[in-house]
Amino acid sequence: MCNLSQGIRDDEKIKVIMNMHKKGYTPEQIAEIVEKTTKEVDAIIKKREPVLA
């Protein structure tokens, strides 16, 4: 079996998490909605946020 569909779903969840973060949702609120832990949400946000130079 191919895990491509799981990767696509994960990419979509990341997009949702980042969109909610940009709109001001707290990590706790995001975690509850996307069914992840706050640690997972924090890690995704830190990894995906652009670094301002």
N, C-alpha and C. Protein backbone atom coordinates (compact mmCIF):
# COMPACT_ATOMS: atom_id res chain seq x y z
N MET A 1 0.84 -1.19 0.00
CA MET A 1 0.00 0.00 0.00
C MET A 1 0.88 1.25 0.00
N CYS A 2 0.38 2.27 -0.61
CA CYS A 2 1.10 3.54 -0.71
C CYS A 2 0.60 4.49 0.38
N ASN A 3 1.51 5.25 0.96
CA ASN A 3 1.14 6.20 2.00
C ASN A 3 0.91 7.60 1.45
N LEU A 4 0.75 7.73 0.15
CA LEU A 4 0.56 9.03 -0.47
C LEU A 4 -0.66 9.75 0.08
N SER A 5 -1.77 9.05 0.24
CA SER A 5 -2.97 9.72 0.72
C SER A 5 -2.79 10.23 2.14
N GLN A 6 -2.02 9.51 2.98
CA GLN A 6 -1.75 9.98 4.34
C GLN A 6 -0.92 11.25 4.28
N GLY A 7 0.06 11.31 3.40
CA GLY A 7 0.89 12.51 3.26
C GLY A 7 0.08 13.71 2.81
N ILE A 8 -0.86 13.49 1.93
CA ILE A 8 -1.72 14.58 1.45
C ILE A 8 -2.59 15.09 2.59
N ARG A 9 -3.14 14.18 3.39
CA ARG A 9 -3.97 14.60 4.53
C ARG A 9 -3.14 15.37 5.54
N ASP A 10 -1.90 14.92 5.77
CA ASP A 10 -1.02 15.62 6.71
C ASP A 10 -0.70 17.02 6.19
N ASP A 11 -0.43 17.15 4.89
CA ASP A 11 -0.16 18.46 4.30
C ASP A 11 -1.35 19.40 4.47
N GLU A 12 -2.54 18.88 4.28
CA GLU A 12 -3.74 19.69 4.45
C GLU A 12 -3.91 20.12 5.90
N LYS A 13 -3.62 19.23 6.84
CA LYS A 13 -3.71 19.59 8.26
C LYS A 13 -2.70 20.69 8.59
N ILE A 14 -1.52 20.60 8.01
CA ILE A 14 -0.50 21.63 8.25
C ILE A 14 -0.99 22.97 7.73
N LYS A 15 -1.60 22.98 6.55
CA LYS A 15 -2.15 24.23 5.99
C LYS A 15 -3.23 24.80 6.91
N VAL A 16 -4.10 23.93 7.41
CA VAL A 16 -5.16 24.37 8.32
C VAL A 16 -4.56 24.94 9.60
N ILE A 17 -3.58 24.24 10.16
CA ILE A 17 -2.92 24.71 11.39
C ILE A 17 -2.30 26.07 11.18
N MET A 18 -1.56 26.26 10.09
CA MET A 18 -0.90 27.54 9.84
C MET A 18 -1.91 28.65 9.58
N ASN A 19 -2.99 28.34 8.89
CA ASN A 19 -4.03 29.34 8.63
C ASN A 19 -4.69 29.78 9.94
N MET A 20 -4.98 28.82 10.80
CA MET A 20 -5.59 29.15 12.09
C MET A 20 -4.63 29.97 12.94
N HIS A 21 -3.36 29.63 12.90
CA HIS A 21 -2.34 30.36 13.65
C HIS A 21 -2.27 31.82 13.18
N LYS A 22 -2.28 32.02 11.87
CA LYS A 22 -2.23 33.37 11.31
C LYS A 22 -3.47 34.18 11.70
N LYS A 23 -4.59 33.50 11.91
CA LYS A 23 -5.82 34.20 12.28
C LYS A 23 -5.95 34.42 13.78
N GLY A 24 -4.95 33.97 14.55
CA GLY A 24 -4.92 34.27 15.97
C GLY A 24 -5.42 33.19 16.91
N TYR A 25 -5.69 32.01 16.40
CA TYR A 25 -6.09 30.91 17.27
C TYR A 25 -4.92 30.50 18.16
N THR A 26 -5.21 30.09 19.38
CA THR A 26 -4.15 29.62 20.27
C THR A 26 -3.78 28.18 19.89
N PRO A 27 -2.57 27.75 20.26
CA PRO A 27 -2.20 26.35 19.99
C PRO A 27 -3.18 25.35 20.62
N GLU A 28 -3.72 25.70 21.78
CA GLU A 28 -4.67 24.81 22.43
C GLU A 28 -5.96 24.67 21.61
N GLN A 29 -6.44 25.79 21.07
CA GLN A 29 -7.64 25.76 20.24
C GLN A 29 -7.39 24.95 18.96
N ILE A 30 -6.25 25.19 18.36
CA ILE A 30 -5.90 24.48 17.12
C ILE A 30 -5.81 22.97 17.39
N ALA A 31 -5.11 22.61 18.46
CA ALA A 31 -4.92 21.19 18.79
C ALA A 31 -6.26 20.48 18.97
N GLU A 32 -7.18 21.15 19.64
CA GLU A 32 -8.50 20.54 19.86
C GLU A 32 -9.23 20.30 18.55
N ILE A 33 -9.13 21.25 17.63
CA ILE A 33 -9.86 21.15 16.37
C ILE A 33 -9.24 20.12 15.43
N VAL A 34 -7.91 20.09 15.32
CA VAL A 34 -7.26 19.18 14.37
C VAL A 34 -6.86 17.84 14.99
N GLU A 35 -7.22 17.67 16.27
CA GLU A 35 -6.96 16.42 16.98
C GLU A 35 -5.48 16.05 17.02
N LYS A 36 -4.68 17.03 17.41
CA LYS A 36 -3.24 16.86 17.64
C LYS A 36 -2.96 17.35 19.05
N THR A 37 -1.76 17.07 19.56
CA THR A 37 -1.39 17.62 20.86
C THR A 37 -0.89 19.04 20.67
N THR A 38 -0.87 19.80 21.76
CA THR A 38 -0.35 21.17 21.65
C THR A 38 1.13 21.14 21.30
N LYS A 39 1.86 20.13 21.75
CA LYS A 39 3.29 20.01 21.38
C LYS A 39 3.45 19.81 19.88
N GLU A 40 2.59 19.00 19.29
CA GLU A 40 2.65 18.79 17.84
C GLU A 40 2.33 20.08 17.10
N VAL A 41 1.30 20.78 17.55
CA VAL A 41 0.90 22.04 16.92
C VAL A 41 2.03 23.06 17.04
N ASP A 42 2.62 23.19 18.22
CA ASP A 42 3.73 24.13 18.41
C ASP A 42 4.89 23.79 17.49
N ALA A 43 5.21 22.51 17.36
CA ALA A 43 6.32 22.10 16.50
C ALA A 43 6.05 22.44 15.04
N ILE A 44 4.82 22.23 14.60
CA ILE A 44 4.46 22.55 13.21
C ILE A 44 4.56 24.05 12.97
N ILE A 45 4.05 24.84 13.90
CA ILE A 45 4.09 26.30 13.75
C ILE A 45 5.54 26.79 13.71
N LYS A 46 6.36 26.31 14.62
CA LYS A 46 7.77 26.75 14.65
C LYS A 46 8.51 26.34 13.40
N LYS A 47 8.22 25.16 12.89
CA LYS A 47 8.91 24.66 11.69
C LYS A 47 8.47 25.42 10.43
N ARG A 48 7.23 25.84 10.38
CA ARG A 48 6.66 26.44 9.15
C ARG A 48 6.68 27.95 9.12
N GLU A 49 6.88 28.61 10.26
CA GLU A 49 6.87 30.08 10.28
C GLU A 49 8.09 30.60 9.53
N PRO A 50 7.89 31.62 8.70
CA PRO A 50 9.05 32.22 8.04
C PRO A 50 9.92 32.96 9.06
N VAL A 51 11.20 32.89 8.82
CA VAL A 51 12.15 33.59 9.71
C VAL A 51 12.35 34.99 9.17
N LEU A 52 12.12 36.01 10.00
CA LEU A 52 12.31 37.38 9.57
C LEU A 52 13.76 37.78 9.82
N ALA A 53 14.39 38.30 8.79
CA ALA A 53 15.79 38.69 8.92
C ALA A 53 15.92 40.17 9.10
